[in-house]
């Protein structure tokens, strides 16, 4: 396998690697802000919008992929717009916000999954594995856990019987301010993602059990695919 040696190629690779670092740093910052969001619930939607902008920036300035950028920008814009509409609905008409939670979830999941697919294609084009490349792969894993928070939060609104409400910030009164429950759902998502398990999900109810299983399987599949790509990269370098 031939490695790029021109200065222009190296400059492009370094810029892309800076994008990986930016993406991981932004994702970690959003996750670290979760405890503060328990006191200031609006921090979560603002952090989600900021992370969406970083993801769009990554594919604008750092990604070599050019095709279907407008589709991805449209998904990102729709996710941000839906986040704003959902916040407004929560403040003015909570019953409407509950119904909007499903399209809210779908738009965010499609946006994040599309980003992960495109980022994986970018990782496959890397000529060699560096610390920055590993950081880019790790950012994708964290994004899966974050997307799982959206999934569990929506399931909480529609099937609260599948969760131990006593573990939520407001206990059984969680519906009074659903935004305060989002950090707890993110934590539960990462517990499922890392296969540690979480006590907040009650065994039995189909929706919550399926949600936890989907998060676990998606995380394991992502790790398996990336390990295969990295090992295959080293194998080709050793035999090339």
Protein backbone atom coordinates (compact mmCIF):
# COMPACT_ATOMS: atom_id res chain seq x y z
CA UNK A 1 0.00 0.00 0.00
CA UNK A 2 1.43 3.35 -0.99
CA UNK A 3 1.35 6.17 1.53
CA UNK A 4 0.84 9.79 0.55
CA UNK A 5 4.10 11.69 0.61
CA UNK A 6 3.29 15.02 -0.97
CA UNK A 7 3.09 18.00 1.34
CA UNK A 8 -0.40 18.83 0.10
CA UNK A 9 -1.60 15.32 0.96
CA UNK A 10 -0.04 15.48 4.41
CA UNK A 11 -1.62 18.89 5.05
CA UNK A 12 -5.06 17.53 4.14
CA UNK A 13 -4.60 14.52 6.41
CA UNK A 14 -3.49 16.70 9.31
CA UNK A 15 -6.48 18.98 8.86
CA UNK A 16 -8.80 15.99 8.84
CA UNK A 17 -7.15 14.66 11.99
CA UNK A 18 -7.77 18.01 13.68
CA UNK A 19 -11.41 17.47 12.79
CA UNK A 20 -11.40 14.15 14.64
CA UNK A 21 -9.97 15.82 17.72
CA UNK A 22 -12.55 18.62 17.51
CA UNK A 23 -15.37 16.11 17.16
CA UNK A 24 -14.26 14.03 20.14
CA UNK A 25 -13.67 17.11 22.28
CA UNK A 26 -17.12 18.51 21.48
CA UNK A 27 -18.85 15.20 22.16
CA UNK A 28 -17.04 14.77 25.48
CA UNK A 29 -17.95 18.33 26.45
CA UNK A 30 -21.63 17.70 25.76
CA UNK A 31 -21.53 14.55 27.89
CA UNK A 32 -19.65 16.25 30.71
CA UNK A 33 -22.30 18.98 30.78
CA UNK A 34 -25.06 16.45 31.53
CA UNK A 35 -24.85 16.83 35.35
CA UNK A 36 -25.22 20.61 35.01
CA UNK A 37 -28.28 20.10 32.81
CA UNK A 38 -30.07 18.70 35.84
CA UNK A 39 -30.05 22.22 37.29
CA UNK A 40 -30.48 24.09 34.02
CA UNK A 41 -32.55 21.87 31.68
CA UNK A 42 -32.19 24.18 28.67
CA UNK A 43 -28.49 23.34 28.59
CA UNK A 44 -29.27 19.99 26.99
CA UNK A 45 -31.03 21.23 23.84
CA UNK A 46 -28.46 24.00 23.45
CA UNK A 47 -25.65 21.43 23.73
CA UNK A 48 -27.40 19.18 21.20
CA UNK A 49 -27.67 22.06 18.73
CA UNK A 50 -24.02 22.93 19.26
CA UNK A 51 -22.97 19.33 18.67
CA UNK A 52 -25.06 19.20 15.48
CA UNK A 53 -23.24 22.30 14.21
CA UNK A 54 -19.86 20.67 14.96
CA UNK A 55 -20.91 17.54 13.06
CA UNK A 56 -21.95 19.66 10.09
CA UNK A 57 -18.69 21.59 10.31
CA UNK A 58 -16.71 18.35 10.30
CA UNK A 59 -18.20 17.26 6.98
CA UNK A 60 -17.77 20.79 5.59
CA UNK A 61 -14.12 21.50 6.38
CA UNK A 62 -12.48 18.22 7.33
CA UNK A 63 -14.17 15.43 5.37
CA UNK A 64 -13.00 14.46 1.85
CA UNK A 65 -16.49 13.23 0.96
CA UNK A 66 -18.28 15.56 -1.41
CA UNK A 67 -21.34 13.60 -2.53
CA UNK A 68 -24.72 14.14 -0.84
CA UNK A 69 -23.53 16.97 1.36
CA UNK A 70 -26.76 18.87 0.80
CA UNK A 71 -28.75 15.91 2.09
CA UNK A 72 -26.67 15.83 5.26
CA UNK A 73 -26.96 19.60 5.72
CA UNK A 74 -30.72 19.26 5.31
CA UNK A 75 -30.84 16.58 8.00
CA UNK A 76 -28.73 18.70 10.34
CA UNK A 77 -30.88 21.76 9.77
CA UNK A 78 -34.04 19.71 10.30
CA UNK A 79 -32.64 18.30 13.57
CA UNK A 80 -31.82 21.77 14.88
CA UNK A 81 -35.20 23.16 13.78
CA UNK A 82 -37.06 20.25 15.37
CA UNK A 83 -35.11 20.75 18.60
CA UNK A 84 -36.23 24.38 18.75
CA UNK A 85 -39.84 23.47 17.93
CA UNK A 86 -39.84 20.74 20.56
CA UNK A 87 -38.51 23.09 23.24
CA UNK A 88 -41.21 25.63 22.36
CA UNK A 89 -43.88 22.94 22.52
CA UNK A 90 -42.65 21.82 25.94
CA UNK A 91 -42.95 25.36 27.22
CA UNK A 92 -46.38 26.10 25.73
CA UNK A 93 -48.23 22.83 25.04
CA UNK A 94 -46.69 19.72 26.69
CA UNK A 95 -49.29 17.39 25.15
CA UNK A 96 -48.14 18.44 21.68
CA UNK A 97 -44.50 18.00 22.71
CA UNK A 98 -45.23 14.38 23.60
CA UNK A 99 -46.51 13.69 20.09
CA UNK A 100 -43.63 15.63 18.56
CA UNK A 101 -41.16 13.49 20.49
CA UNK A 102 -41.42 10.72 17.87
CA UNK A 103 -40.45 12.85 14.82
CA UNK A 104 -37.94 14.57 17.10
CA UNK A 105 -36.34 11.19 17.82
CA UNK A 106 -36.46 10.01 14.22
CA UNK A 107 -34.82 13.13 12.82
CA UNK A 108 -32.00 13.06 15.35
CA UNK A 109 -31.36 9.34 14.93
CA UNK A 110 -31.32 9.58 11.13
CA UNK A 111 -29.00 12.59 11.33
CA UNK A 112 -26.56 10.89 13.73
CA UNK A 113 -26.63 7.55 11.88
CA UNK A 114 -26.01 9.30 8.57
CA UNK A 115 -23.09 11.15 10.12
CA UNK A 116 -21.64 7.93 11.55
CA UNK A 117 -21.88 6.18 8.19
CA UNK A 118 -20.12 9.04 6.42
CA UNK A 119 -17.48 9.31 9.13
CA UNK A 120 -16.82 5.57 8.93
CA UNK A 121 -16.24 5.97 5.20
CA UNK A 122 -13.76 8.73 5.98
CA UNK A 123 -11.98 6.48 8.49
CA UNK A 124 -11.75 3.75 5.84
CA UNK A 125 -9.82 6.15 3.62
CA UNK A 126 -7.16 6.90 6.21
CA UNK A 127 -3.73 5.77 4.94
CA UNK A 128 -2.59 4.86 8.45
CA UNK A 129 -3.95 4.64 11.97
CA UNK A 130 -2.89 7.42 14.32
CA UNK A 131 -4.05 8.65 17.70
CA UNK A 132 -6.28 11.20 15.98
CA UNK A 133 -7.92 8.45 13.89
CA UNK A 134 -8.62 6.44 17.04
CA UNK A 135 -10.10 9.59 18.61
CA UNK A 136 -12.37 9.97 15.60
CA UNK A 137 -13.53 6.38 16.01
CA UNK A 138 -14.10 6.93 19.73
CA UNK A 139 -16.23 9.99 18.99
CA UNK A 140 -18.53 7.80 16.93
CA UNK A 141 -18.94 5.38 19.82
CA UNK A 142 -19.86 8.23 22.16
CA UNK A 143 -22.37 9.55 19.63
CA UNK A 144 -24.13 6.18 19.65
CA UNK A 145 -24.55 6.48 23.41
CA UNK A 146 -25.80 10.04 23.05
CA UNK A 147 -28.32 9.01 20.39
CA UNK A 148 -29.45 6.26 22.73
CA UNK A 149 -30.32 8.98 25.23
CA UNK A 150 -32.78 10.42 22.71
CA UNK A 151 -34.27 6.95 22.21
CA UNK A 152 -34.74 6.18 25.91
CA UNK A 153 -36.05 9.68 26.62
CA UNK A 154 -38.76 9.26 23.98
CA UNK A 155 -39.65 5.81 25.34
CA UNK A 156 -39.90 7.35 28.81
CA UNK A 157 -42.51 9.80 27.56
CA UNK A 158 -44.56 7.08 25.88
CA UNK A 159 -44.09 4.15 28.25
CA UNK A 160 -43.05 5.40 31.72
CA UNK A 161 -44.00 2.00 33.17
CA UNK A 162 -40.85 0.61 31.58
CA UNK A 163 -38.66 2.75 33.86
CA UNK A 164 -38.07 2.99 37.58
CA UNK A 165 -39.45 6.49 38.08
CA UNK A 166 -38.03 6.71 41.59
CA UNK A 167 -34.55 7.00 40.06
CA UNK A 168 -35.48 10.08 38.02
CA UNK A 169 -34.72 13.61 39.30
CA UNK A 170 -38.38 14.38 40.03
CA UNK A 171 -39.51 10.85 40.76
CA UNK A 172 -43.00 10.12 39.50
CA UNK A 173 -43.49 13.82 38.65
CA UNK A 174 -41.00 13.62 35.79
CA UNK A 175 -43.58 14.66 33.20
CA UNK A 176 -43.66 18.16 34.68
CA UNK A 177 -40.24 18.89 33.17
CA UNK A 178 -39.11 16.14 30.76
CA UNK A 179 -35.87 17.96 29.95
CA UNK A 180 -34.57 17.24 33.46
CA UNK A 181 -34.81 13.50 32.77
CA UNK A 182 -32.61 13.57 29.67
CA UNK A 183 -29.24 13.33 31.53
CA UNK A 184 -30.52 10.25 33.38
CA UNK A 185 -31.52 8.69 30.07
CA UNK A 186 -28.08 9.42 28.62
CA UNK A 187 -26.50 7.67 31.59
CA UNK A 188 -28.84 4.70 31.15
CA UNK A 189 -27.96 4.61 27.46
CA UNK A 190 -24.24 4.41 28.15
CA UNK A 191 -24.85 1.72 30.75
CA UNK A 192 -26.59 -0.32 28.05
CA UNK A 193 -23.97 0.60 25.46
CA UNK A 194 -21.11 -0.68 27.62
CA UNK A 195 -23.15 -3.78 28.62
CA UNK A 196 -22.92 -2.83 32.30
CA UNK A 197 -26.69 -2.75 32.59
CA UNK A 198 -28.89 -0.19 34.31
CA UNK A 199 -31.47 -0.49 37.05
CA UNK A 200 -33.64 2.28 35.67
CA UNK A 201 -34.95 0.02 32.88
CA UNK A 202 -37.54 -2.37 34.21
CA UNK A 203 -37.54 -5.90 32.75
CA UNK A 204 -40.76 -6.81 31.04
CA UNK A 205 -42.11 -3.77 29.15
CA UNK A 206 -41.36 -4.31 25.48
CA UNK A 207 -40.42 -0.80 24.40
CA UNK A 208 -37.86 -0.03 27.10
CA UNK A 209 -36.31 -3.52 26.92
CA UNK A 210 -36.03 -3.31 23.14
CA UNK A 211 -34.54 0.18 23.37
CA UNK A 212 -31.78 -1.00 25.71
CA UNK A 213 -31.08 -4.00 23.49
CA UNK A 214 -30.85 -1.85 20.35
CA UNK A 215 -28.33 0.45 22.01
CA UNK A 216 -26.19 -2.49 23.17
CA UNK A 217 -26.20 -4.24 19.78
CA UNK A 218 -25.47 -1.03 17.88
CA UNK A 219 -22.48 -0.25 20.09
CA UNK A 220 -21.05 -3.75 19.79
CA UNK A 221 -21.54 -3.75 16.02
CA UNK A 222 -19.80 -0.38 15.69
CA UNK A 223 -16.79 -1.60 17.70
CA UNK A 224 -16.60 -4.84 15.72
CA UNK A 225 -16.67 -3.01 12.39
CA UNK A 226 -13.99 -0.52 13.41
CA UNK A 227 -11.72 -3.23 14.83
CA UNK A 228 -12.05 -5.08 11.55
CA UNK A 229 -11.14 -1.94 9.61
CA UNK A 230 -8.13 -1.15 11.80
CA UNK A 231 -6.80 -4.71 11.79
CA UNK A 232 -7.32 -4.90 8.03
CA UNK A 233 -5.40 -1.63 7.63
CA UNK A 234 -2.43 -2.99 9.57
CA UNK A 235 -2.57 -6.26 7.62
CA UNK A 236 -2.46 -4.45 4.27
CA UNK A 237 0.43 -2.30 5.47
CA UNK A 238 2.34 -5.39 6.56
CA UNK A 239 1.81 -7.21 3.28
CA UNK A 240 1.88 -4.24 0.91
